């Protein structure tokens, strides 16, 4: 007889077609103790609240990992209501439904909840002051999640990239192939996050018997500028196209970007014993998987 092992705990992942969702799909097979159900925006639009409530009636997940989000940072300035619906109200509903169904809830947030004026890495308890509609919607999502479900875990991250979806790494590779020179902002500092590394940490937390609710920061190690990030991408891609560093003032955007996006990751390391790689090592792996 074939053992189906249907008694495995069910892990529900929303936003399954995004960068982090795709990486969780790729890594899920390494965690055979769990059964995974990956839901795209089309499968379960999280801002349709009745659909969400009804979905839980049909399945009984043990853990919900919410990777769904409105991430168009500049467009959010023109669509504040939609950004708030997806990044705040929907998160509160998901958190509440999880609490009602005794389902553990993990949600992903962002460095954009800070104003970017610090000079040392942000800890989880630093004062927040979002400078954009996107950042405010994500902060409101954090607050609504904890209000509805104090047992939730929220992970703030920064500069996420992957071999999947649209991101800075893939944009730079494309521009290096299209333009005689590429200009990149050099006065915004932060730490890149390889989505596969973040996915692995989320799965470690999911499988841990040490569920400690609260806020956590996660990014790869190292503090760099977008310009330095682009230069390393160009080097690994074998591109000879010159990359020029410019100021934020020379590259205006509808939404204000934080000048400082460095997160202190010591809490997640001490609580869950995770290993955090240097950003260069992770970028090299990602680009190798992309064929570079």
C-alpha atoms as a PDB file:
ATOM      1  CA  UNK A   1       0.000   0.000   0.000  1.00  0.00           C
ATOM      2  CA  UNK A   2       1.231   3.526  -0.814  1.00  0.00           C
ATOM      3  CA  UNK A   3       1.583   5.750   2.226  1.00  0.00           C
ATOM      4  CA  UNK A   4      -0.155   9.062   1.441  1.00  0.00           C
ATOM      5  CA  UNK A   5       0.686  10.641   4.815  1.00  0.00           C
ATOM      6  CA  UNK A   6      -2.373  12.909   4.624  1.00  0.00           C
ATOM      7  CA  UNK A   7      -2.059  13.619   8.336  1.00  0.00           C
ATOM      8  CA  UNK A   8       0.757  16.031   7.612  1.00  0.00           C
ATOM      9  CA  UNK A   9       0.058  19.622   8.738  1.00  0.00           C
ATOM     10  CA  UNK A  10      -1.148  21.809   5.863  1.00  0.00           C
ATOM     11  CA  UNK A  11       0.838  24.955   5.072  1.00  0.00           C
ATOM     12  CA  UNK A  12      -1.132  27.476   3.025  1.00  0.00           C
ATOM     13  CA  UNK A  13       0.922  29.982   0.976  1.00  0.00           C
ATOM     14  CA  UNK A  14      -0.808  33.024  -0.530  1.00  0.00           C
ATOM     15  CA  UNK A  15       0.789  35.098  -3.293  1.00  0.00           C
ATOM     16  CA  UNK A  16       2.319  31.906  -4.654  1.00  0.00           C
ATOM     17  CA  UNK A  17       3.335  33.421  -8.012  1.00  0.00           C
ATOM     18  CA  UNK A  18       5.466  36.180  -6.514  1.00  0.00           C
ATOM     19  CA  UNK A  19       9.214  35.959  -5.905  1.00  0.00           C
ATOM     20  CA  UNK A  20       8.936  34.606  -2.370  1.00  0.00           C
ATOM     21  CA  UNK A  21       5.994  32.348  -3.191  1.00  0.00           C
ATOM     22  CA  UNK A  22       7.915  30.784  -6.069  1.00  0.00           C
ATOM     23  CA  UNK A  23      10.941  30.153  -3.862  1.00  0.00           C
ATOM     24  CA  UNK A  24       8.729  28.534  -1.219  1.00  0.00           C
ATOM     25  CA  UNK A  25       7.316  26.269  -3.937  1.00  0.00           C
ATOM     26  CA  UNK A  26      10.819  25.327  -5.018  1.00  0.00           C
ATOM     27  CA  UNK A  27      11.996  24.590  -1.463  1.00  0.00           C
ATOM     28  CA  UNK A  28       8.804  22.999  -0.149  1.00  0.00           C
ATOM     29  CA  UNK A  29       9.845  19.519  -1.251  1.00  0.00           C
ATOM     30  CA  UNK A  30      12.729  19.635   1.228  1.00  0.00           C
ATOM     31  CA  UNK A  31      10.216  19.787   4.082  1.00  0.00           C
ATOM     32  CA  UNK A  32       8.307  16.478   3.718  1.00  0.00           C
ATOM     33  CA  UNK A  33       6.763  16.805   7.168  1.00  0.00           C
ATOM     34  CA  UNK A  34       4.343  19.334   5.676  1.00  0.00           C
ATOM     35  CA  UNK A  35       1.733  19.302   2.955  1.00  0.00           C
ATOM     36  CA  UNK A  36       1.745  22.569   0.985  1.00  0.00           C
ATOM     37  CA  UNK A  37      -1.035  24.373  -0.830  1.00  0.00           C
ATOM     38  CA  UNK A  38       0.143  27.276  -2.982  1.00  0.00           C
ATOM     39  CA  UNK A  39      -2.464  29.866  -3.929  1.00  0.00           C
ATOM     40  CA  UNK A  40      -1.934  32.566  -6.543  1.00  0.00           C
ATOM     41  CA  UNK A  41      -3.757  35.903  -6.664  1.00  0.00           C
ATOM     42  CA  UNK A  42      -6.251  34.275  -9.024  1.00  0.00           C
ATOM     43  CA  UNK A  43      -6.760  31.300  -6.688  1.00  0.00           C
ATOM     44  CA  UNK A  44      -7.353  33.466  -3.632  1.00  0.00           C
ATOM     45  CA  UNK A  45      -7.398  37.282  -3.955  1.00  0.00           C
ATOM     46  CA  UNK A  46      -6.798  38.149  -0.310  1.00  0.00           C
ATOM     47  CA  UNK A  47      -8.708  41.451  -0.513  1.00  0.00           C
ATOM     48  CA  UNK A  48     -11.936  39.528  -1.242  1.00  0.00           C
ATOM     49  CA  UNK A  49     -12.690  38.937   2.407  1.00  0.00           C
ATOM     50  CA  UNK A  50     -15.636  36.542   2.101  1.00  0.00           C
ATOM     51  CA  UNK A  51     -13.615  34.298  -0.213  1.00  0.00           C
ATOM     52  CA  UNK A  52     -10.874  34.169   2.412  1.00  0.00           C
ATOM     53  CA  UNK A  53     -13.300  33.298   5.219  1.00  0.00           C
ATOM     54  CA  UNK A  54     -14.996  30.636   3.119  1.00  0.00           C
ATOM     55  CA  UNK A  55     -11.666  29.124   2.059  1.00  0.00           C
ATOM     56  CA  UNK A  56     -10.837  28.262   5.650  1.00  0.00           C
ATOM     57  CA  UNK A  57     -14.121  26.389   5.960  1.00  0.00           C
ATOM     58  CA  UNK A  58     -13.000  24.032   3.212  1.00  0.00           C
ATOM     59  CA  UNK A  59      -9.458  23.379   4.421  1.00  0.00           C
ATOM     60  CA  UNK A  60      -7.851  23.434   7.837  1.00  0.00           C
ATOM     61  CA  UNK A  61      -4.324  24.804   7.476  1.00  0.00           C
ATOM     62  CA  UNK A  62      -1.917  24.633  10.376  1.00  0.00           C
ATOM     63  CA  UNK A  63       0.122  27.567   9.064  1.00  0.00           C
ATOM     64  CA  UNK A  64      -0.614  30.437   6.669  1.00  0.00           C
ATOM     65  CA  UNK A  65       2.361  32.169   5.052  1.00  0.00           C
ATOM     66  CA  UNK A  66       1.134  35.390   3.467  1.00  0.00           C
ATOM     67  CA  UNK A  67       3.360  36.377   0.547  1.00  0.00           C
ATOM     68  CA  UNK A  68       0.584  38.313  -1.206  1.00  0.00           C
ATOM     69  CA  UNK A  69       1.061  42.075  -1.342  1.00  0.00           C
ATOM     70  CA  UNK A  70       0.607  45.225  -3.390  1.00  0.00           C
ATOM     71  CA  UNK A  71       4.260  45.955  -4.242  1.00  0.00           C
ATOM     72  CA  UNK A  72       4.062  48.646  -6.959  1.00  0.00           C
ATOM     73  CA  UNK A  73       5.710  51.289  -4.768  1.00  0.00           C
ATOM     74  CA  UNK A  74       5.312  54.245  -7.143  1.00  0.00           C
ATOM     75  CA  UNK A  75       1.874  53.260  -8.426  1.00  0.00           C
ATOM     76  CA  UNK A  76       0.628  53.092  -4.847  1.00  0.00           C
ATOM     77  CA  UNK A  77       0.894  56.880  -4.693  1.00  0.00           C
ATOM     78  CA  UNK A  78      -2.001  56.992  -7.187  1.00  0.00           C
ATOM     79  CA  UNK A  79      -3.808  53.939  -5.797  1.00  0.00           C
ATOM     80  CA  UNK A  80      -3.738  54.377  -2.010  1.00  0.00           C
ATOM     81  CA  UNK A  81      -7.115  52.729  -1.468  1.00  0.00           C
ATOM     82  CA  UNK A  82      -6.124  49.548  -3.325  1.00  0.00           C
ATOM     83  CA  UNK A  83      -2.707  49.410  -1.637  1.00  0.00           C
ATOM     84  CA  UNK A  84      -4.409  49.762   1.752  1.00  0.00           C
ATOM     85  CA  UNK A  85      -7.029  47.139   0.872  1.00  0.00           C
ATOM     86  CA  UNK A  86      -4.381  44.522   0.019  1.00  0.00           C
ATOM     87  CA  UNK A  87      -1.513  45.454   2.354  1.00  0.00           C
ATOM     88  CA  UNK A  88      -3.512  46.426   5.448  1.00  0.00           C
ATOM     89  CA  UNK A  89      -7.191  45.434   5.571  1.00  0.00           C
ATOM     90  CA  UNK A  90      -6.659  42.039   3.924  1.00  0.00           C
ATOM     91  CA  UNK A  91      -3.782  41.264   6.272  1.00  0.00           C
ATOM     92  CA  UNK A  92      -5.989  42.039   9.259  1.00  0.00           C
ATOM     93  CA  UNK A  93      -8.667  39.687   7.902  1.00  0.00           C
ATOM     94  CA  UNK A  94      -6.140  36.901   7.273  1.00  0.00           C
ATOM     95  CA  UNK A  95      -4.745  37.323  10.772  1.00  0.00           C
ATOM     96  CA  UNK A  96      -8.222  37.234  12.320  1.00  0.00           C
ATOM     97  CA  UNK A  97      -9.281  34.165  10.331  1.00  0.00           C
ATOM     98  CA  UNK A  98      -6.085  32.405  11.404  1.00  0.00           C
ATOM     99  CA  UNK A  99      -6.768  33.248  15.048  1.00  0.00           C
ATOM    100  CA  UNK A 100     -10.338  31.905  14.768  1.00  0.00           C
ATOM    101  CA  UNK A 101      -9.098  28.678  13.168  1.00  0.00           C
ATOM    102  CA  UNK A 102      -6.072  28.113  15.422  1.00  0.00           C
ATOM    103  CA  UNK A 103      -3.775  28.523  12.415  1.00  0.00           C
ATOM    104  CA  UNK A 104      -0.319  30.037  12.808  1.00  0.00           C
ATOM    105  CA  UNK A 105       0.202  33.198  10.744  1.00  0.00           C
ATOM    106  CA  UNK A 106       3.430  34.427   9.139  1.00  0.00           C
ATOM    107  CA  UNK A 107       3.332  37.724   7.238  1.00  0.00           C
ATOM    108  CA  UNK A 108       6.026  39.586   5.283  1.00  0.00           C
ATOM    109  CA  UNK A 109       6.608  43.312   5.748  1.00  0.00           C
ATOM    110  CA  UNK A 110       9.218  45.829   4.630  1.00  0.00           C
ATOM    111  CA  UNK A 111      11.975  48.283   5.522  1.00  0.00           C
ATOM    112  CA  UNK A 112       9.721  51.012   4.041  1.00  0.00           C
ATOM    113  CA  UNK A 113       7.980  51.282   7.439  1.00  0.00           C
ATOM    114  CA  UNK A 114      11.004  53.390   8.502  1.00  0.00           C
ATOM    115  CA  UNK A 115      11.875  56.902   7.323  1.00  0.00           C
ATOM    116  CA  UNK A 116      15.386  55.958   6.187  1.00  0.00           C
ATOM    117  CA  UNK A 117      17.178  58.650   8.196  1.00  0.00           C
ATOM    118  CA  UNK A 118      19.006  56.340  10.632  1.00  0.00           C
ATOM    119  CA  UNK A 119      22.750  55.783  10.707  1.00  0.00           C
ATOM    120  CA  UNK A 120      22.744  52.350  12.349  1.00  0.00           C
ATOM    121  CA  UNK A 121      20.811  49.179  11.548  1.00  0.00           C
ATOM    122  CA  UNK A 122      17.131  49.305  12.472  1.00  0.00           C
ATOM    123  CA  UNK A 123      16.038  46.989  15.270  1.00  0.00           C
ATOM    124  CA  UNK A 124      12.469  45.701  15.418  1.00  0.00           C
ATOM    125  CA  UNK A 125      11.451  48.219  18.096  1.00  0.00           C
ATOM    126  CA  UNK A 126      12.748  51.375  16.401  1.00  0.00           C
ATOM    127  CA  UNK A 127      10.105  54.090  15.843  1.00  0.00           C
ATOM    128  CA  UNK A 128       8.383  53.782  12.461  1.00  0.00           C
ATOM    129  CA  UNK A 129       7.687  56.693  10.101  1.00  0.00           C
ATOM    130  CA  UNK A 130       6.757  55.599   6.558  1.00  0.00           C
ATOM    131  CA  UNK A 131       7.490  58.128   3.809  1.00  0.00           C
ATOM    132  CA  UNK A 132       5.271  56.592   1.106  1.00  0.00           C
ATOM    133  CA  UNK A 133       1.762  55.229   0.610  1.00  0.00           C
ATOM    134  CA  UNK A 134       3.259  51.762   0.167  1.00  0.00           C
ATOM    135  CA  UNK A 135       5.230  52.006   3.424  1.00  0.00           C
ATOM    136  CA  UNK A 136       2.204  53.286   5.338  1.00  0.00           C
ATOM    137  CA  UNK A 137      -0.007  50.499   3.968  1.00  0.00           C
ATOM    138  CA  UNK A 138       2.527  47.878   5.058  1.00  0.00           C
ATOM    139  CA  UNK A 139       2.827  49.401   8.545  1.00  0.00           C
ATOM    140  CA  UNK A 140      -0.963  49.483   8.846  1.00  0.00           C
ATOM    141  CA  UNK A 141      -0.960  45.801   7.852  1.00  0.00           C
ATOM    142  CA  UNK A 142       1.441  44.996  10.688  1.00  0.00           C
ATOM    143  CA  UNK A 143      -0.756  46.812  13.193  1.00  0.00           C
ATOM    144  CA  UNK A 144      -3.971  45.181  11.987  1.00  0.00           C
ATOM    145  CA  UNK A 145      -2.324  41.745  12.036  1.00  0.00           C
ATOM    146  CA  UNK A 146      -1.170  42.018  15.629  1.00  0.00           C
ATOM    147  CA  UNK A 147      -4.446  43.595  16.731  1.00  0.00           C
ATOM    148  CA  UNK A 148      -6.390  40.648  15.300  1.00  0.00           C
ATOM    149  CA  UNK A 149      -3.819  37.972  16.113  1.00  0.00           C
ATOM    150  CA  UNK A 150      -1.175  38.677  18.793  1.00  0.00           C
ATOM    151  CA  UNK A 151       0.290  35.219  18.079  1.00  0.00           C
ATOM    152  CA  UNK A 152       1.397  36.281  14.563  1.00  0.00           C
ATOM    153  CA  UNK A 153       4.968  36.437  13.285  1.00  0.00           C
ATOM    154  CA  UNK A 154       5.855  39.314  10.955  1.00  0.00           C
ATOM    155  CA  UNK A 155       9.172  39.435   9.116  1.00  0.00           C
ATOM    156  CA  UNK A 156      10.426  42.759   7.760  1.00  0.00           C
ATOM    157  CA  UNK A 157      12.786  42.461   4.839  1.00  0.00           C
ATOM    158  CA  UNK A 158      14.492  44.671   2.240  1.00  0.00           C
ATOM    159  CA  UNK A 159      15.643  44.779  -1.397  1.00  0.00           C
ATOM    160  CA  UNK A 160      14.159  41.387  -2.299  1.00  0.00           C
ATOM    161  CA  UNK A 161      15.302  39.703  -5.516  1.00  0.00           C
ATOM    162  CA  UNK A 162      15.102  36.254  -7.087  1.00  0.00           C
ATOM    163  CA  UNK A 163      15.448  34.394 -10.366  1.00  0.00           C
ATOM    164  CA  UNK A 164      11.636  34.696 -10.514  1.00  0.00           C
ATOM    165  CA  UNK A 165       9.444  37.701 -11.271  1.00  0.00           C
ATOM    166  CA  UNK A 166      10.450  41.338 -11.698  1.00  0.00           C
ATOM    167  CA  UNK A 167      13.229  42.721  -9.531  1.00  0.00           C
ATOM    168  CA  UNK A 168      16.338  44.893  -9.503  1.00  0.00           C
ATOM    169  CA  UNK A 169      18.736  42.107 -10.535  1.00  0.00           C
ATOM    170  CA  UNK A 170      16.760  41.197 -13.646  1.00  0.00           C
ATOM    171  CA  UNK A 171      16.186  44.863 -14.529  1.00  0.00           C
ATOM    172  CA  UNK A 172      19.917  45.648 -14.356  1.00  0.00           C
ATOM    173  CA  UNK A 173      20.794  42.629 -16.505  1.00  0.00           C
ATOM    174  CA  UNK A 174      18.239  43.753 -19.099  1.00  0.00           C
ATOM    175  CA  UNK A 175      19.440  47.377 -19.099  1.00  0.00           C
ATOM    176  CA  UNK A 176      23.088  46.340 -19.419  1.00  0.00           C
ATOM    177  CA  UNK A 177      22.122  44.547 -22.622  1.00  0.00           C
ATOM    178  CA  UNK A 178      20.067  47.436 -24.002  1.00  0.00           C
ATOM    179  CA  UNK A 179      21.955  50.640 -23.166  1.00  0.00           C
ATOM    180  CA  UNK A 180      25.444  52.030 -23.765  1.00  0.00           C
ATOM    181  CA  UNK A 181      25.566  53.132 -20.113  1.00  0.00           C
ATOM    182  CA  UNK A 182      23.401  52.458 -17.053  1.00  0.00           C
ATOM    183  CA  UNK A 183      22.881  55.014 -14.252  1.00  0.00           C
ATOM    184  CA  UNK A 184      22.089  53.762 -10.744  1.00  0.00           C
ATOM    185  CA  UNK A 185      21.460  55.603  -7.472  1.00  0.00           C
ATOM    186  CA  UNK A 186      24.451  55.502  -5.124  1.00  0.00           C
ATOM    187  CA  UNK A 187      23.173  57.451  -2.080  1.00  0.00           C
ATOM    188  CA  UNK A 188      20.587  54.890  -0.929  1.00  0.00           C
ATOM    189  CA  UNK A 189      22.104  52.203   1.300  1.00  0.00           C
ATOM    190  CA  UNK A 190      20.670  48.875   2.354  1.00  0.00           C
ATOM    191  CA  UNK A 191      21.013  45.098   2.372  1.00  0.00           C
ATOM    192  CA  UNK A 192      19.765  42.867  -0.464  1.00  0.00           C
ATOM    193  CA  UNK A 193      17.629  39.840   0.367  1.00  0.00           C
ATOM    194  CA  UNK A 194      17.700  36.719  -1.798  1.00  0.00           C
ATOM    195  CA  UNK A 195      14.124  35.420  -1.707  1.00  0.00           C
ATOM    196  CA  UNK A 196      15.353  31.800  -1.553  1.00  0.00           C
ATOM    197  CA  UNK A 197      17.239  32.556   1.676  1.00  0.00           C
ATOM    198  CA  UNK A 198      14.177  34.237   3.169  1.00  0.00           C
ATOM    199  CA  UNK A 199      11.982  31.305   2.094  1.00  0.00           C
ATOM    200  CA  UNK A 200      14.345  28.877   3.815  1.00  0.00           C
ATOM    201  CA  UNK A 201      14.207  30.880   7.048  1.00  0.00           C
ATOM    202  CA  UNK A 202      10.394  30.992   6.926  1.00  0.00           C
ATOM    203  CA  UNK A 203      10.290  27.212   6.539  1.00  0.00           C
ATOM    204  CA  UNK A 204      12.714  26.808   9.448  1.00  0.00           C
ATOM    205  CA  UNK A 205      10.416  28.907  11.626  1.00  0.00           C
ATOM    206  CA  UNK A 206       7.373  26.983  10.393  1.00  0.00           C
ATOM    207  CA  UNK A 207       8.923  23.671  11.404  1.00  0.00           C
ATOM    208  CA  UNK A 208      10.268  24.967  14.696  1.00  0.00           C
ATOM    209  CA  UNK A 209       8.749  23.950  18.014  1.00  0.00           C
ATOM    210  CA  UNK A 210       9.854  27.363  19.253  1.00  0.00           C
ATOM    211  CA  UNK A 211       7.027  29.597  17.997  1.00  0.00           C
ATOM    212  CA  UNK A 212       7.778  33.072  19.384  1.00  0.00           C
ATOM    213  CA  UNK A 213       5.286  35.682  18.076  1.00  0.00           C
ATOM    214  CA  UNK A 214       6.390  39.185  17.164  1.00  0.00           C
ATOM    215  CA  UNK A 215       8.386  41.241  14.702  1.00  0.00           C
ATOM    216  CA  UNK A 216      11.625  40.019  13.109  1.00  0.00           C
ATOM    217  CA  UNK A 217      14.057  41.538  10.616  1.00  0.00           C
ATOM    218  CA  UNK A 218      15.672  39.505   7.861  1.00  0.00           C
ATOM    219  CA  UNK A 219      18.064  40.385   5.040  1.00  0.00           C
ATOM    220  CA  UNK A 220      21.401  39.097   3.817  1.00  0.00           C
ATOM    221  CA  UNK A 221      24.554  40.438   5.471  1.00  0.00           C
ATOM    222  CA  UNK A 222      26.332  43.506   4.140  1.00  0.00           C
ATOM    223  CA  UNK A 223      25.606  47.210   3.642  1.00  0.00           C
ATOM    224  CA  UNK A 224      25.809  48.481   0.062  1.00  0.00           C
ATOM    225  CA  UNK A 225      24.318  51.044  -2.310  1.00  0.00           C
ATOM    226  CA  UNK A 226      22.108  50.232  -5.278  1.00  0.00           C
ATOM    227  CA  UNK A 227      25.086  51.304  -7.419  1.00  0.00           C
ATOM    228  CA  UNK A 228      27.391  48.769  -5.756  1.00  0.00           C
ATOM    229  CA  UNK A 229      24.706  46.112  -6.130  1.00  0.00           C
ATOM    230  CA  UNK A 230      24.410  46.900  -9.847  1.00  0.00           C
ATOM    231  CA  UNK A 231      28.197  46.773 -10.325  1.00  0.00           C
ATOM    232  CA  UNK A 232      28.368  43.280  -8.787  1.00  0.00           C
ATOM    233  CA  UNK A 233      25.464  42.148 -10.982  1.00  0.00           C
ATOM    234  CA  UNK A 234      27.268  43.480 -14.038  1.00  0.00           C
ATOM    235  CA  UNK A 235      30.494  41.714 -13.053  1.00  0.00           C
ATOM    236  CA  UNK A 236      28.747  38.361 -12.538  1.00  0.00           C
ATOM    237  CA  UNK A 237      26.857  38.801 -15.816  1.00  0.00           C
ATOM    238  CA  UNK A 238      30.154  39.384 -17.638  1.00  0.00           C
ATOM    239  CA  UNK A 239      28.943  42.752 -18.929  1.00  0.00           C
ATOM    240  CA  UNK A 240      31.314  45.464 -20.132  1.00  0.00           C
ATOM    241  CA  UNK A 241      28.584  48.144 -20.143  1.00  0.00           C
ATOM    242  CA  UNK A 242      29.655  51.027 -17.852  1.00  0.00           C
ATOM    243  CA  UNK A 243      27.556  51.742 -14.761  1.00  0.00           C
ATOM    244  CA  UNK A 244      27.431  55.319 -13.451  1.00  0.00           C
ATOM    245  CA  UNK A 245      26.543  56.287  -9.891  1.00  0.00           C
ATOM    246  CA  UNK A 246      23.996  59.098  -9.537  1.00  0.00           C
ATOM    247  CA  UNK A 247      22.165  60.827  -6.685  1.00  0.00           C
ATOM    248  CA  UNK A 248      18.562  60.282  -5.661  1.00  0.00           C
ATOM    249  CA  UNK A 249      17.887  63.862  -6.752  1.00  0.00           C
ATOM    250  CA  UNK A 250      18.981  62.932 -10.282  1.00  0.00           C
ATOM    251  CA  UNK A 251      16.491  60.055 -10.368  1.00  0.00           C
ATOM    252  CA  UNK A 252      13.194  61.367  -8.947  1.00  0.00           C
ATOM    253  CA  UNK A 253      10.379  58.860  -8.311  1.00  0.00           C
ATOM    254  CA  UNK A 254       6.734  59.388  -7.282  1.00  0.00           C
ATOM    255  CA  UNK A 255       7.329  57.533  -3.984  1.00  0.00           C
ATOM    256  CA  UNK A 256      10.151  58.555  -1.680  1.00  0.00           C
ATOM    257  CA  UNK A 257      12.744  55.803  -1.140  1.00  0.00           C
ATOM    258  CA  UNK A 258      14.521  55.350   2.214  1.00  0.00           C
ATOM    259  CA  UNK A 259      18.128  56.559   2.085  1.00  0.00           C
ATOM    260  CA  UNK A 260      19.009  53.956   4.748  1.00  0.00           C
ATOM    261  CA  UNK A 261      17.389  50.499   4.649  1.00  0.00           C
ATOM    262  CA  UNK A 262      19.699  48.446   6.840  1.00  0.00           C
ATOM    263  CA  UNK A 263      17.953  46.005   9.202  1.00  0.00           C
ATOM    264  CA  UNK A 264      19.439  44.544  12.376  1.00  0.00           C
ATOM    265  CA  UNK A 265      18.921  40.776  12.068  1.00  0.00           C
ATOM    266  CA  UNK A 266      20.301  39.662  15.446  1.00  0.00           C
ATOM    267  CA  UNK A 267      16.836  38.866  16.900  1.00  0.00           C
ATOM    268  CA  UNK A 268      15.891  36.273  14.270  1.00  0.00           C
ATOM    269  CA  UNK A 269      19.364  34.718  14.532  1.00  0.00           C
ATOM    270  CA  UNK A 270      19.271  34.416  18.330  1.00  0.00           C
ATOM    271  CA  UNK A 271      15.642  33.217  18.437  1.00  0.00           C
ATOM    272  CA  UNK A 272      15.702  30.658  15.623  1.00  0.00           C
ATOM    273  CA  UNK A 273      19.405  29.938  15.137  1.00  0.00           C
ATOM    274  CA  UNK A 274      19.271  30.773  11.443  1.00  0.00           C
ATOM    275  CA  UNK A 275      22.413  31.327   9.397  1.00  0.00           C
ATOM    276  CA  UNK A 276      22.541  34.507   7.326  1.00  0.00           C
ATOM    277  CA  UNK A 277      24.729  34.574   4.227  1.00  0.00           C
ATOM    278  CA  UNK A 278      26.691  37.481   2.819  1.00  0.00           C
ATOM    279  CA  UNK A 279      24.834  39.227   0.006  1.00  0.00           C
ATOM    280  CA  UNK A 280      27.578  38.420  -2.534  1.00  0.00           C
ATOM    281  CA  UNK A 281      27.321  34.684  -1.924  1.00  0.00           C
ATOM    282  CA  UNK A 282      23.544  34.734  -2.332  1.00  0.00           C
ATOM    283  CA  UNK A 283      23.651  36.935  -5.433  1.00  0.00           C
ATOM    284  CA  UNK A 284      26.213  34.621  -6.997  1.00  0.00           C
ATOM    285  CA  UNK A 285      23.950  31.621  -6.403  1.00  0.00           C
ATOM    286  CA  UNK A 286      20.903  33.401  -7.823  1.00  0.00           C
ATOM    287  CA  UNK A 287      22.718  34.481 -10.958  1.00  0.00           C
ATOM    288  CA  UNK A 288      24.215  31.031 -11.400  1.00  0.00           C
ATOM    289  CA  UNK A 289      20.682  29.649 -11.413  1.00  0.00           C
ATOM    290  CA  UNK A 290      19.818  32.239 -14.058  1.00  0.00           C
ATOM    291  CA  UNK A 291      22.683  30.968 -16.229  1.00  0.00           C
ATOM    292  CA  UNK A 292      25.434  33.464 -15.404  1.00  0.00           C
END
